[in-house]
């Protein structure tokens, strides 16, 4: 929720769903982006900030071997549903979320993970 503003509703990203050891976030929906750059630029900027935060936390534990993270960015349209009262929840669906979920699954495949790791 870094960069969150209440009026109008703006946020750098919105966490939609946790998926085991990862999560899926949306940039630009349901909240407006916090800056006027393109949504793609905002997503890349947010990803880099998340990696910086991840690496900062990992360094605190002084692990004996490298701890790595992976991130995939998918760009396409989404559709959503919203509750009109009570606890607010948002449900998004669309091609970009399907693509993001597939990136998540690729990360769990040893052959692909080796290729990703070799190029990281």
PDB file of N, CA and C in Angstrom:
ATOM      1  N   UNK A   1       0.824  -1.207   0.000  1.00  0.00           N
ATOM      2  CA  UNK A   1       0.000   0.000   0.000  1.00  0.00           C
ATOM      3  C   UNK A   1       0.865   1.267   0.000  1.00  0.00           C
ATOM      4  N   UNK A   2       2.124   1.124  -0.347  1.00  0.00           N
ATOM      5  CA  UNK A   2       2.988   2.302  -0.414  1.00  0.00           C
ATOM      6  C   UNK A   2       2.405   3.302  -1.397  1.00  0.00           C
ATOM      7  N   UNK A   3       2.358   4.547  -0.993  1.00  0.00           N
ATOM      8  CA  UNK A   3       1.807   5.582  -1.852  1.00  0.00           C
ATOM      9  C   UNK A   3       0.294   5.665  -1.806  1.00  0.00           C
ATOM     10  N   UNK A   4      -0.333   4.970  -0.860  1.00  0.00           N
ATOM     11  CA  UNK A   4      -1.799   4.945  -0.772  1.00  0.00           C
ATOM     12  C   UNK A   4      -2.337   6.344  -0.473  1.00  0.00           C
ATOM     13  N   UNK A   5      -3.377   6.732  -1.193  1.00  0.00           N
ATOM     14  CA  UNK A   5      -4.110   7.979  -0.946  1.00  0.00           C
ATOM     15  C   UNK A   5      -5.591   7.636  -0.883  1.00  0.00           C
ATOM     16  N   UNK A   6      -6.291   8.305   0.017  1.00  0.00           N
ATOM     17  CA  UNK A   6      -7.704   7.991   0.225  1.00  0.00           C
ATOM     18  C   UNK A   6      -8.632   8.703  -0.763  1.00  0.00           C
ATOM     19  N   UNK A   7      -8.338   9.961  -1.098  1.00  0.00           N
ATOM     20  CA  UNK A   7      -9.264  10.703  -1.945  1.00  0.00           C
ATOM     21  C   UNK A   7      -8.493  11.513  -2.978  1.00  0.00           C
ATOM     22  N   UNK A   8      -8.502  11.123  -4.236  1.00  0.00           N
ATOM     23  CA  UNK A   8      -9.141   9.934  -4.786  1.00  0.00           C
ATOM     24  C   UNK A   8      -8.340   8.691  -4.425  1.00  0.00           C
ATOM     25  N   UNK A   9      -8.969   7.531  -4.550  1.00  0.00           N
ATOM     26  CA  UNK A   9      -8.304   6.280  -4.193  1.00  0.00           C
ATOM     27  C   UNK A   9      -7.152   5.998  -5.157  1.00  0.00           C
ATOM     28  N   UNK A  10      -5.939   6.027  -4.609  1.00  0.00           N
ATOM     29  CA  UNK A  10      -4.728   5.770  -5.385  1.00  0.00           C
ATOM     30  C   UNK A  10      -3.822   4.848  -4.585  1.00  0.00           C
ATOM     31  N   UNK A  11      -3.058   4.039  -5.293  1.00  0.00           N
ATOM     32  CA  UNK A  11      -2.080   3.175  -4.647  1.00  0.00           C
ATOM     33  C   UNK A  11      -1.075   2.715  -5.685  1.00  0.00           C
ATOM     34  N   UNK A  12       0.142   2.447  -5.225  1.00  0.00           N
ATOM     35  CA  UNK A  12       1.175   1.944  -6.139  1.00  0.00           C
ATOM     36  C   UNK A  12       0.756   0.591  -6.703  1.00  0.00           C
ATOM     37  N   UNK A  13       0.197  -0.290  -5.859  1.00  0.00           N
ATOM     38  CA  UNK A  13      -0.274  -1.609  -6.284  1.00  0.00           C
ATOM     39  C   UNK A  13      -1.296  -2.097  -5.268  1.00  0.00           C
ATOM     40  N   UNK A  14      -2.075  -3.076  -5.665  1.00  0.00           N
ATOM     41  CA  UNK A  14      -3.075  -3.656  -4.775  1.00  0.00           C
ATOM     42  C   UNK A  14      -2.915  -5.168  -4.785  1.00  0.00           C
ATOM     43  N   UNK A  15      -2.668  -5.757  -3.611  1.00  0.00           N
ATOM     44  CA  UNK A  15      -2.507  -7.211  -3.527  1.00  0.00           C
ATOM     45  C   UNK A  15      -3.864  -7.879  -3.683  1.00  0.00           C
ATOM     46  N   UNK A  16      -3.986  -8.696  -4.709  1.00  0.00           N
ATOM     47  CA  UNK A  16      -5.239  -9.381  -4.976  1.00  0.00           C
ATOM     48  C   UNK A  16      -5.330 -10.720  -4.278  1.00  0.00           C
ATOM     49  N   UNK A  17      -4.230 -11.467  -4.318  1.00  0.00           N
ATOM     50  CA  UNK A  17      -4.323 -12.855  -3.893  1.00  0.00           C
ATOM     51  C   UNK A  17      -2.949 -13.364  -3.480  1.00  0.00           C
ATOM     52  N   UNK A  18      -2.918 -14.136  -2.403  1.00  0.00           N
ATOM     53  CA  UNK A  18      -1.700 -14.823  -2.018  1.00  0.00           C
ATOM     54  C   UNK A  18      -1.716 -16.210  -2.638  1.00  0.00           C
ATOM     55  N   UNK A  19      -0.575 -16.635  -3.158  1.00  0.00           N
ATOM     56  CA  UNK A  19      -0.488 -17.937  -3.819  1.00  0.00           C
ATOM     57  C   UNK A  19       0.695 -18.702  -3.241  1.00  0.00           C
ATOM     58  N   UNK A  20       0.501 -19.318  -2.082  1.00  0.00           N
ATOM     59  CA  UNK A  20       1.595 -20.043  -1.448  1.00  0.00           C
ATOM     60  C   UNK A  20       2.653 -19.083  -0.960  1.00  0.00           C
ATOM     61  N   UNK A  21       3.851 -19.165  -1.546  1.00  0.00           N
ATOM     62  CA  UNK A  21       4.930 -18.274  -1.120  1.00  0.00           C
ATOM     63  C   UNK A  21       4.989 -16.997  -1.957  1.00  0.00           C
ATOM     64  N   UNK A  22       3.954 -16.730  -2.728  1.00  0.00           N
ATOM     65  CA  UNK A  22       3.924 -15.535  -3.557  1.00  0.00           C
ATOM     66  C   UNK A  22       2.594 -14.830  -3.471  1.00  0.00           C
ATOM     67  N   UNK A  23       2.422 -13.856  -4.329  1.00  0.00           N
ATOM     68  CA  UNK A  23       1.158 -13.133  -4.385  1.00  0.00           C
ATOM     69  C   UNK A  23       0.992 -12.491  -5.747  1.00  0.00           C
ATOM     70  N   UNK A  24      -0.230 -12.130  -6.063  1.00  0.00           N
ATOM     71  CA  UNK A  24      -0.549 -11.440  -7.308  1.00  0.00           C
ATOM     72  C   UNK A  24      -1.098 -10.066  -6.951  1.00  0.00           C
ATOM     73  N   UNK A  25      -0.555  -9.053  -7.573  1.00  0.00           N
ATOM     74  CA  UNK A  25      -0.988  -7.678  -7.341  1.00  0.00           C
ATOM     75  C   UNK A  25      -1.431  -7.041  -8.649  1.00  0.00           C
ATOM     76  N   UNK A  26      -2.263  -6.014  -8.534  1.00  0.00           N
ATOM     77  CA  UNK A  26      -2.709  -5.254  -9.703  1.00  0.00           C
ATOM     78  C   UNK A  26      -2.181  -3.829  -9.589  1.00  0.00           C
ATOM     79  N   UNK A  27      -1.790  -3.275 -10.719  1.00  0.00           N
ATOM     80  CA  UNK A  27      -1.340  -1.885 -10.790  1.00  0.00           C
ATOM     81  C   UNK A  27      -2.338  -1.127 -11.652  1.00  0.00           C
ATOM     82  N   UNK A  28      -2.900  -0.059 -11.123  1.00  0.00           N
ATOM     83  CA  UNK A  28      -3.826   0.777 -11.893  1.00  0.00           C
ATOM     84  C   UNK A  28      -5.288   0.391 -11.757  1.00  0.00           C
ATOM     85  N   UNK A  29      -5.577  -0.691 -11.020  1.00  0.00           N
ATOM     86  CA  UNK A  29      -6.967  -1.112 -10.832  1.00  0.00           C
ATOM     87  C   UNK A  29      -7.033  -2.049  -9.640  1.00  0.00           C
ATOM     88  N   UNK A  30      -7.896  -1.902  -8.693  1.00  0.00           N
ATOM     89  CA  UNK A  30      -9.046  -1.003  -8.645  1.00  0.00           C
ATOM     90  C   UNK A  30      -8.704   0.423  -8.234  1.00  0.00           C
ATOM     91  N   UNK A  31      -7.458   0.671  -7.798  1.00  0.00           N
ATOM     92  CA  UNK A  31      -7.062   2.030  -7.431  1.00  0.00           C
ATOM     93  C   UNK A  31      -6.336   2.691  -8.597  1.00  0.00           C
ATOM     94  N   UNK A  32      -6.449   3.995  -8.683  1.00  0.00           N
ATOM     95  CA  UNK A  32      -5.705   4.758  -9.683  1.00  0.00           C
ATOM     96  C   UNK A  32      -4.215   4.651  -9.379  1.00  0.00           C
ATOM     97  N   UNK A  33      -3.364   4.767 -10.405  1.00  0.00           N
ATOM     98  CA  UNK A  33      -1.921   4.766 -10.142  1.00  0.00           C
ATOM     99  C   UNK A  33      -1.520   6.048  -9.423  1.00  0.00           C
ATOM    100  N   UNK A  34      -0.372   6.025  -8.729  1.00  0.00           N
ATOM    101  CA  UNK A  34       0.031   7.195  -7.956  1.00  0.00           C
ATOM    102  C   UNK A  34       0.766   8.242  -8.790  1.00  0.00           C
ATOM    103  N   UNK A  35       1.242   7.864  -9.964  1.00  0.00           N
ATOM    104  CA  UNK A  35       1.909   8.852 -10.807  1.00  0.00           C
ATOM    105  C   UNK A  35       1.311   8.818 -12.206  1.00  0.00           C
ATOM    106  N   UNK A  36       1.743   9.747 -13.024  1.00  0.00           N
ATOM    107  CA  UNK A  36       1.139   9.886 -14.351  1.00  0.00           C
ATOM    108  C   UNK A  36       1.865   9.087 -15.427  1.00  0.00           C
ATOM    109  N   UNK A  37       2.881   8.315 -15.043  1.00  0.00           N
ATOM    110  CA  UNK A  37       3.568   7.505 -16.054  1.00  0.00           C
ATOM    111  C   UNK A  37       2.636   6.387 -16.523  1.00  0.00           C
ATOM    112  N   UNK A  38       3.055   5.650 -17.509  1.00  0.00           N
ATOM    113  CA  UNK A  38       2.217   4.564 -18.018  1.00  0.00           C
ATOM    114  C   UNK A  38       2.063   3.477 -16.959  1.00  0.00           C
ATOM    115  N   UNK A  39       1.017   2.672 -17.096  1.00  0.00           N
ATOM    116  CA  UNK A  39       0.815   1.566 -16.162  1.00  0.00           C
ATOM    117  C   UNK A  39       1.989   0.600 -16.197  1.00  0.00           C
ATOM    118  N   UNK A  40       2.535   0.366 -17.389  1.00  0.00           N
ATOM    119  CA  UNK A  40       3.681  -0.532 -17.512  1.00  0.00           C
ATOM    120  C   UNK A  40       4.878   0.022 -16.742  1.00  0.00           C
ATOM    121  N   UNK A  41       5.154   1.316 -16.876  1.00  0.00           N
ATOM    122  CA  UNK A  41       6.251   1.934 -16.130  1.00  0.00           C
ATOM    123  C   UNK A  41       6.005   1.840 -14.632  1.00  0.00           C
ATOM    124  N   UNK A  42       4.757   2.058 -14.217  1.00  0.00           N
ATOM    125  CA  UNK A  42       4.415   1.948 -12.809  1.00  0.00           C
ATOM    126  C   UNK A  42       4.607   0.536 -12.279  1.00  0.00           C
ATOM    127  N   UNK A  43       4.266  -0.464 -13.084  1.00  0.00           N
ATOM    128  CA  UNK A  43       4.432  -1.856 -12.672  1.00  0.00           C
ATOM    129  C   UNK A  43       5.911  -2.206 -12.528  1.00  0.00           C
ATOM    130  N   UNK A  44       6.738  -1.776 -13.479  1.00  0.00           N
ATOM    131  CA  UNK A  44       8.173  -2.052 -13.406  1.00  0.00           C
ATOM    132  C   UNK A  44       8.779  -1.340 -12.199  1.00  0.00           C
ATOM    133  N   UNK A  45       8.416  -0.086 -11.994  1.00  0.00           N
ATOM    134  CA  UNK A  45       8.909   0.671 -10.845  1.00  0.00           C
ATOM    135  C   UNK A  45       8.521  -0.009  -9.532  1.00  0.00           C
ATOM    136  N   UNK A  46       7.278  -0.458  -9.447  1.00  0.00           N
ATOM    137  CA  UNK A  46       6.811  -1.150  -8.242  1.00  0.00           C
ATOM    138  C   UNK A  46       7.559  -2.454  -8.038  1.00  0.00           C
ATOM    139  N   UNK A  47       7.797  -3.206  -9.122  1.00  0.00           N
ATOM    140  CA  UNK A  47       8.547  -4.462  -9.021  1.00  0.00           C
ATOM    141  C   UNK A  47       9.951  -4.206  -8.486  1.00  0.00           C
ATOM    142  N   UNK A  48      10.614  -3.173  -8.970  1.00  0.00           N
ATOM    143  CA  UNK A  48      11.969  -2.866  -8.499  1.00  0.00           C
ATOM    144  C   UNK A  48      11.971  -2.470  -7.028  1.00  0.00           C
ATOM    145  N   UNK A  49      10.972  -1.714  -6.605  1.00  0.00           N
ATOM    146  CA  UNK A  49      10.857  -1.338  -5.190  1.00  0.00           C
ATOM    147  C   UNK A  49      10.615  -2.580  -4.331  1.00  0.00           C
ATOM    148  N   UNK A  50       9.787  -3.504  -4.825  1.00  0.00           N
ATOM    149  CA  UNK A  50       9.531  -4.745  -4.081  1.00  0.00           C
ATOM    150  C   UNK A  50      10.804  -5.574  -3.955  1.00  0.00           C
ATOM    151  N   UNK A  51      11.606  -5.643  -5.019  1.00  0.00           N
ATOM    152  CA  UNK A  51      12.862  -6.386  -4.948  1.00  0.00           C
ATOM    153  C   UNK A  51      13.823  -5.739  -3.949  1.00  0.00           C
ATOM    154  N   UNK A  52      13.868  -4.408  -3.935  1.00  0.00           N
ATOM    155  CA  UNK A  52      14.726  -3.721  -2.962  1.00  0.00           C
ATOM    156  C   UNK A  52      14.307  -4.067  -1.539  1.00  0.00           C
ATOM    157  N   UNK A  53      12.999  -4.049  -1.268  1.00  0.00           N
ATOM    158  CA  UNK A  53      12.494  -4.383   0.072  1.00  0.00           C
ATOM    159  C   UNK A  53      12.795  -5.840   0.411  1.00  0.00           C
ATOM    160  N   UNK A  54      12.604  -6.740  -0.551  1.00  0.00           N
ATOM    161  CA  UNK A  54      12.891  -8.163  -0.346  1.00  0.00           C
ATOM    162  C   UNK A  54      14.355  -8.360   0.013  1.00  0.00           C
ATOM    163  N   UNK A  55      15.259  -7.764  -0.779  1.00  0.00           N
ATOM    164  CA  UNK A  55      16.689  -7.930  -0.537  1.00  0.00           C
ATOM    165  C   UNK A  55      17.110  -7.335   0.799  1.00  0.00           C
ATOM    166  N   UNK A  56      16.518  -6.227   1.195  1.00  0.00           N
ATOM    167  CA  UNK A  56      16.813  -5.612   2.487  1.00  0.00           C
ATOM    168  C   UNK A  56      16.453  -6.566   3.625  1.00  0.00           C
ATOM    169  N   UNK A  57      15.290  -7.183   3.540  1.00  0.00           N
ATOM    170  CA  UNK A  57      14.860  -8.118   4.583  1.00  0.00           C
ATOM    171  C   UNK A  57      15.709  -9.381   4.596  1.00  0.00           C
ATOM    172  N   UNK A  58      16.060  -9.900   3.422  1.00  0.00           N
ATOM    173  CA  UNK A  58      16.886 -11.109   3.353  1.00  0.00           C
ATOM    174  C   UNK A  58      18.251 -10.860   3.996  1.00  0.00           C
ATOM    175  N   UNK A  59      18.846  -9.688   3.743  1.00  0.00           N
ATOM    176  CA  UNK A  59      20.163  -9.376   4.318  1.00  0.00           C
ATOM    177  C   UNK A  59      20.138  -9.396   5.845  1.00  0.00           C
ATOM    178  N   UNK A  60      19.025  -9.052   6.441  1.00  0.00           N
ATOM    179  CA  UNK A  60      18.918  -9.020   7.904  1.00  0.00           C
ATOM    180  C   UNK A  60      19.124 -10.394   8.533  1.00  0.00           C
ATOM    181  N   UNK A  61      18.824 -11.468   7.778  1.00  0.00           N
ATOM    182  CA  UNK A  61      18.927 -12.815   8.316  1.00  0.00           C
ATOM    183  C   UNK A  61      20.303 -13.443   8.099  1.00  0.00           C
ATOM    184  N   UNK A  62      21.134 -12.839   7.264  1.00  0.00           N
ATOM    185  CA  UNK A  62      22.499 -13.313   7.037  1.00  0.00           C
ATOM    186  C   UNK A  62      22.546 -14.810   6.721  1.00  0.00           C
ATOM    187  N   UNK A  63      21.752 -15.231   5.750  1.00  0.00           N
ATOM    188  CA  UNK A  63      21.712 -16.640   5.354  1.00  0.00           C
ATOM    189  C   UNK A  63      23.057 -17.079   4.791  1.00  0.00           C
ATOM    190  N   UNK A  64      23.358 -18.362   4.927  1.00  0.00           N
ATOM    191  CA  UNK A  64      24.629 -18.890   4.435  1.00  0.00           C
ATOM    192  C   UNK A  64      24.621 -19.119   2.921  1.00  0.00           C
ATOM    193  N   UNK A  65      23.445 -19.132   2.319  1.00  0.00           N
ATOM    194  CA  UNK A  65      23.356 -19.290   0.857  1.00  0.00           C
ATOM    195  C   UNK A  65      22.396 -18.221   0.314  1.00  0.00           C
ATOM    196  N   UNK A  66      22.514 -17.925  -0.976  1.00  0.00           N
ATOM    197  CA  UNK A  66      21.650 -16.874  -1.549  1.00  0.00           C
ATOM    198  C   UNK A  66      20.166 -17.242  -1.486  1.00  0.00           C
ATOM    199  N   UNK A  67      19.341 -16.282  -1.170  1.00  0.00           N
ATOM    200  CA  UNK A  67      17.890 -16.421  -1.213  1.00  0.00           C
ATOM    201  C   UNK A  67      17.429 -15.553  -2.382  1.00  0.00           C
ATOM    202  N   UNK A  68      16.702 -16.159  -3.314  1.00  0.00           N
ATOM    203  CA  UNK A  68      16.312 -15.436  -4.528  1.00  0.00           C
ATOM    204  C   UNK A  68      14.811 -15.290  -4.615  1.00  0.00           C
ATOM    205  N   UNK A  69      14.391 -14.274  -5.310  1.00  0.00           N
ATOM    206  CA  UNK A  69      12.979 -14.052  -5.591  1.00  0.00           C
ATOM    207  C   UNK A  69      12.769 -13.956  -7.088  1.00  0.00           C
ATOM    208  N   UNK A  70      11.555 -14.145  -7.505  1.00  0.00           N
ATOM    209  CA  UNK A  70      11.211 -14.040  -8.927  1.00  0.00           C
ATOM    210  C   UNK A  70       9.933 -13.225  -9.053  1.00  0.00           C
ATOM    211  N   UNK A  71       9.818 -12.528 -10.177  1.00  0.00           N
ATOM    212  CA  UNK A  71       8.634 -11.724 -10.408  1.00  0.00           C
ATOM    213  C   UNK A  71       8.318 -11.738 -11.889  1.00  0.00           C
ATOM    214  N   UNK A  72       7.048 -11.856 -12.216  1.00  0.00           N
ATOM    215  CA  UNK A  72       6.607 -11.777 -13.601  1.00  0.00           C
ATOM    216  C   UNK A  72       5.600 -10.655 -13.736  1.00  0.00           C
ATOM    217  N   UNK A  73       5.657  -9.954 -14.838  1.00  0.00           N
ATOM    218  CA  UNK A  73       4.719  -8.863 -15.096  1.00  0.00           C
ATOM    219  C   UNK A  73       3.871  -9.212 -16.304  1.00  0.00           C
ATOM    220  N   UNK A  74       2.567  -9.103 -16.158  1.00  0.00           N
ATOM    221  CA  UNK A  74       1.639  -9.389 -17.259  1.00  0.00           C
ATOM    222  C   UNK A  74       0.813  -8.140 -17.502  1.00  0.00           C
ATOM    223  N   UNK A  75       0.581  -7.816 -18.760  1.00  0.00           N
ATOM    224  CA  UNK A  75      -0.163  -6.601 -19.110  1.00  0.00           C
ATOM    225  C   UNK A  75      -1.326  -6.967 -20.029  1.00  0.00           C
ATOM    226  N   UNK A  76      -2.527  -6.645 -19.600  1.00  0.00           N
ATOM    227  CA  UNK A  76      -3.722  -6.856 -20.408  1.00  0.00           C
ATOM    228  C   UNK A  76      -4.895  -6.258 -19.648  1.00  0.00           C
ATOM    229  N   UNK A  77      -6.073  -6.367 -20.180  1.00  0.00           N
ATOM    230  CA  UNK A  77      -7.242  -5.819 -19.508  1.00  0.00           C
ATOM    231  C   UNK A  77      -7.717  -6.763 -18.413  1.00  0.00           C
ATOM    232  N   UNK A  78      -8.443  -6.206 -17.450  1.00  0.00           N
ATOM    233  CA  UNK A  78      -9.039  -6.999 -16.374  1.00  0.00           C
ATOM    234  C   UNK A  78     -10.491  -6.563 -16.203  1.00  0.00           C
ATOM    235  N   UNK A  79     -11.249  -7.416 -15.574  1.00  0.00           N
ATOM    236  CA  UNK A  79     -12.612  -7.101 -15.173  1.00  0.00           C
ATOM    237  C   UNK A  79     -12.696  -7.379 -13.691  1.00  0.00           C
ATOM    238  N   UNK A  80     -13.639  -6.741 -13.006  1.00  0.00           N
ATOM    239  CA  UNK A  80     -13.700  -6.939 -11.573  1.00  0.00           C
ATOM    240  C   UNK A  80     -15.095  -6.853 -11.007  1.00  0.00           C
ATOM    241  N   UNK A  81     -15.226  -7.351  -9.788  1.00  0.00           N
ATOM    242  CA  UNK A  81     -16.459  -7.237  -9.028  1.00  0.00           C
ATOM    243  C   UNK A  81     -16.120  -6.629  -7.673  1.00  0.00           C
ATOM    244  N   UNK A  82     -17.060  -5.884  -7.126  1.00  0.00           N
ATOM    245  CA  UNK A  82     -16.847  -5.181  -5.872  1.00  0.00           C
ATOM    246  C   UNK A  82     -18.071  -5.346  -4.991  1.00  0.00           C
ATOM    247  N   UNK A  83     -17.853  -5.416  -3.680  1.00  0.00           N
ATOM    248  CA  UNK A  83     -18.965  -5.422  -2.746  1.00  0.00           C
ATOM    249  C   UNK A  83     -19.452  -3.994  -2.551  1.00  0.00           C
ATOM    250  N   UNK A  84     -20.760  -3.832  -2.406  1.00  0.00           N
ATOM    251  CA  UNK A  84     -21.292  -2.481  -2.206  1.00  0.00           C
ATOM    252  C   UNK A  84     -21.394  -2.112  -0.735  1.00  0.00           C
ATOM    253  N   UNK A  85     -21.266  -3.075   0.170  1.00  0.00           N
ATOM    254  CA  UNK A  85     -21.342  -2.766   1.590  1.00  0.00           C
ATOM    255  C   UNK A  85     -20.543  -3.759   2.397  1.00  0.00           C
ATOM    256  N   UNK A  86     -20.374  -3.470   3.670  1.00  0.00           N
ATOM    257  CA  UNK A  86     -19.627  -4.363   4.554  1.00  0.00           C
ATOM    258  C   UNK A  86     -18.140  -4.320   4.258  1.00  0.00           C
ATOM    259  N   UNK A  87     -17.456  -5.400   4.589  1.00  0.00           N
ATOM    260  CA  UNK A  87     -16.017  -5.473   4.335  1.00  0.00           C
ATOM    261  C   UNK A  87     -15.800  -5.428   2.839  1.00  0.00           C
ATOM    262  N   UNK A  88     -14.942  -4.528   2.407  1.00  0.00           N
ATOM    263  CA  UNK A  88     -14.693  -4.366   0.981  1.00  0.00           C
ATOM    264  C   UNK A  88     -13.773  -5.466   0.464  1.00  0.00           C
ATOM    265  N   UNK A  89     -14.181  -6.123  -0.587  1.00  0.00           N
ATOM    266  CA  UNK A  89     -13.308  -7.074  -1.266  1.00  0.00           C
ATOM    267  C   UNK A  89     -13.441  -6.853  -2.760  1.00  0.00           C
ATOM    268  N   UNK A  90     -12.385  -7.140  -3.449  1.00  0.00           N
ATOM    269  CA  UNK A  90     -12.331  -6.962  -4.886  1.00  0.00           C
ATOM    270  C   UNK A  90     -11.954  -8.287  -5.504  1.00  0.00           C
ATOM    271  N   UNK A  91     -12.587  -8.635  -6.585  1.00  0.00           N
ATOM    272  CA  UNK A  91     -12.233  -9.845  -7.308  1.00  0.00           C
ATOM    273  C   UNK A  91     -12.005  -9.458  -8.755  1.00  0.00           C
ATOM    274  N   UNK A  92     -10.809  -9.711  -9.242  1.00  0.00           N
ATOM    275  CA  UNK A  92     -10.466  -9.386 -10.624  1.00  0.00           C
ATOM    276  C   UNK A  92     -10.258 -10.670 -11.398  1.00  0.00           C
ATOM    277  N   UNK A  93     -10.548 -10.591 -12.678  1.00  0.00           N
ATOM    278  CA  UNK A  93     -10.299 -11.712 -13.565  1.00  0.00           C
ATOM    279  C   UNK A  93     -10.014 -11.163 -14.944  1.00  0.00           C
ATOM    280  N   UNK A  94      -9.394 -11.974 -15.773  1.00  0.00           N
ATOM    281  CA  UNK A  94      -9.070 -11.559 -17.134  1.00  0.00           C
ATOM    282  C   UNK A  94      -7.770 -12.183 -17.597  1.00  0.00           C
ATOM    283  N   UNK A  95      -7.429 -11.917 -18.844  1.00  0.00           N
ATOM    284  CA  UNK A  95      -6.250 -12.531 -19.469  1.00  0.00           C
ATOM    285  C   UNK A  95      -4.956 -12.245 -18.708  1.00  0.00           C
ATOM    286  N   UNK A  96      -4.794 -11.036 -18.186  1.00  0.00           N
ATOM    287  CA  UNK A  96      -3.541 -10.723 -17.498  1.00  0.00           C
ATOM    288  C   UNK A  96      -3.383 -11.533 -16.222  1.00  0.00           C
ATOM    289  N   UNK A  97      -4.479 -11.822 -15.528  1.00  0.00           N
ATOM    290  CA  UNK A  97      -4.378 -12.639 -14.317  1.00  0.00           C
ATOM    291  C   UNK A  97      -4.100 -14.100 -14.655  1.00  0.00           C
ATOM    292  N   UNK A  98      -4.651 -14.580 -15.733  1.00  0.00           N
ATOM    293  CA  UNK A  98      -4.345 -15.939 -16.190  1.00  0.00           C
ATOM    294  C   UNK A  98      -2.866 -16.030 -16.536  1.00  0.00           C
ATOM    295  N   UNK A  99      -2.370 -15.022 -17.241  1.00  0.00           N
ATOM    296  CA  UNK A  99      -0.957 -14.998 -17.611  1.00  0.00           C
ATOM    297  C   UNK A  99      -0.074 -14.929 -16.362  1.00  0.00           C
ATOM    298  N   UNK A 100      -0.436 -14.110 -15.386  1.00  0.00           N
ATOM    299  CA  UNK A 100       0.348 -14.009 -14.149  1.00  0.00           C
ATOM    300  C   UNK A 100       0.380 -15.342 -13.412  1.00  0.00           C
ATOM    301  N   UNK A 101      -0.745 -16.026 -13.358  1.00  0.00           N
ATOM    302  CA  UNK A 101      -0.798 -17.330 -12.695  1.00  0.00           C
ATOM    303  C   UNK A 101       0.085 -18.344 -13.428  1.00  0.00           C
ATOM    304  N   UNK A 102       0.143 -18.258 -14.752  1.00  0.00           N
ATOM    305  CA  UNK A 102       1.006 -19.163 -15.514  1.00  0.00           C
ATOM    306  C   UNK A 102       2.476 -18.868 -15.247  1.00  0.00           C
ATOM    307  N   UNK A 103       2.835 -17.580 -15.118  1.00  0.00           N
ATOM    308  CA  UNK A 103       4.209 -17.234 -14.743  1.00  0.00           C
ATOM    309  C   UNK A 103       4.559 -17.850 -13.395  1.00  0.00           C
ATOM    310  N   UNK A 104       3.609 -17.773 -12.460  1.00  0.00           N
ATOM    311  CA  UNK A 104       3.811 -18.346 -11.129  1.00  0.00           C
ATOM    312  C   UNK A 104       4.072 -19.851 -11.232  1.00  0.00           C
ATOM    313  N   UNK A 105       3.309 -20.530 -12.062  1.00  0.00           N
ATOM    314  CA  UNK A 105       3.485 -21.977 -12.228  1.00  0.00           C
ATOM    315  C   UNK A 105       4.810 -22.313 -12.915  1.00  0.00           C
ATOM    316  N   UNK A 106       5.227 -21.505 -13.895  1.00  0.00           N
ATOM    317  CA  UNK A 106       6.503 -21.746 -14.571  1.00  0.00           C
ATOM    318  C   UNK A 106       7.660 -21.724 -13.580  1.00  0.00           C
ATOM    319  N   UNK A 107       7.560 -20.834 -12.616  1.00  0.00           N
ATOM    320  CA  UNK A 107       8.612 -20.697 -11.618  1.00  0.00           C
ATOM    321  C   UNK A 107       8.811 -21.998 -10.841  1.00  0.00           C
ATOM    322  N   UNK A 108       7.787 -22.812 -10.759  1.00  0.00           N
ATOM    323  CA  UNK A 108       7.839 -24.052  -9.978  1.00  0.00           C
ATOM    324  C   UNK A 108       8.310 -25.255 -10.796  1.00  0.00           C
ATOM    325  N   UNK A 109       8.591 -25.053 -12.079  1.00  0.00           N
ATOM    326  CA  UNK A 109       9.051 -26.138 -12.948  1.00  0.00           C
ATOM    327  C   UNK A 109      10.581 -26.127 -12.976  1.00  0.00           C
ATOM    328  N   UNK A 110      11.241 -27.210 -12.540  1.00  0.00           N
ATOM    329  CA  UNK A 110      12.712 -27.227 -12.428  1.00  0.00           C
ATOM    330  C   UNK A 110      13.447 -26.838 -13.708  1.00  0.00           C
ATOM    331  N   UNK A 111      12.991 -27.312 -14.858  1.00  0.00           N
ATOM    332  CA  UNK A 111      13.700 -26.988 -16.108  1.00  0.00           C
ATOM    333  C   UNK A 111      13.646 -25.492 -16.394  1.00  0.00           C
ATOM    334  N   UNK A 112      12.486 -24.886 -16.207  1.00  0.00           N
ATOM    335  CA  UNK A 112      12.358 -23.442 -16.440  1.00  0.00           C
ATOM    336  C   UNK A 112      13.093 -22.651 -15.362  1.00  0.00           C
ATOM    337  N   UNK A 113      13.017 -23.127 -14.112  1.00  0.00           N
ATOM    338  CA  UNK A 113      13.675 -22.411 -13.021  1.00  0.00           C
ATOM    339  C   UNK A 113      15.183 -22.359 -13.250  1.00  0.00           C
ATOM    340  N   UNK A 114      15.750 -23.436 -13.802  1.00  0.00           N
ATOM    341  CA  UNK A 114      17.187 -23.430 -14.102  1.00  0.00           C
ATOM    342  C   UNK A 114      17.511 -22.359 -15.143  1.00  0.00           C
ATOM    343  N   UNK A 115      16.675 -22.255 -16.177  1.00  0.00           N
ATOM    344  CA  UNK A 115      16.901 -21.212 -17.198  1.00  0.00           C
ATOM    345  C   UNK A 115      16.792 -19.833 -16.567  1.00  0.00           C
ATOM    346  N   UNK A 116      15.752 -19.614 -15.750  1.00  0.00           N
ATOM    347  CA  UNK A 116      15.587 -18.314 -15.086  1.00  0.00           C
ATOM    348  C   UNK A 116      16.787 -18.007 -14.194  1.00  0.00           C
ATOM    349  N   UNK A 117      17.216 -19.011 -13.407  1.00  0.00           N
ATOM    350  CA  UNK A 117      18.332 -18.812 -12.471  1.00  0.00           C
ATOM    351  C   UNK A 117      19.623 -18.512 -13.215  1.00  0.00           C
ATOM    352  N   UNK A 118      19.854 -19.197 -14.325  1.00  0.00           N
ATOM    353  CA  UNK A 118      21.072 -18.973 -15.098  1.00  0.00           C
ATOM    354  C   UNK A 118      21.147 -17.562 -15.664  1.00  0.00           C
ATOM    355  N   UNK A 119      19.980 -16.950 -15.904  1.00  0.00           N
ATOM    356  CA  UNK A 119      19.956 -15.614 -16.492  1.00  0.00           C
ATOM    357  C   UNK A 119      19.665 -14.512 -15.485  1.00  0.00           C
ATOM    358  N   UNK A 120      19.503 -14.861 -14.229  1.00  0.00           N
ATOM    359  CA  UNK A 120      19.181 -13.866 -13.195  1.00  0.00           C
ATOM    360  C   UNK A 120      20.406 -13.033 -12.845  1.00  0.00           C
TER     361      UNK A 120
END
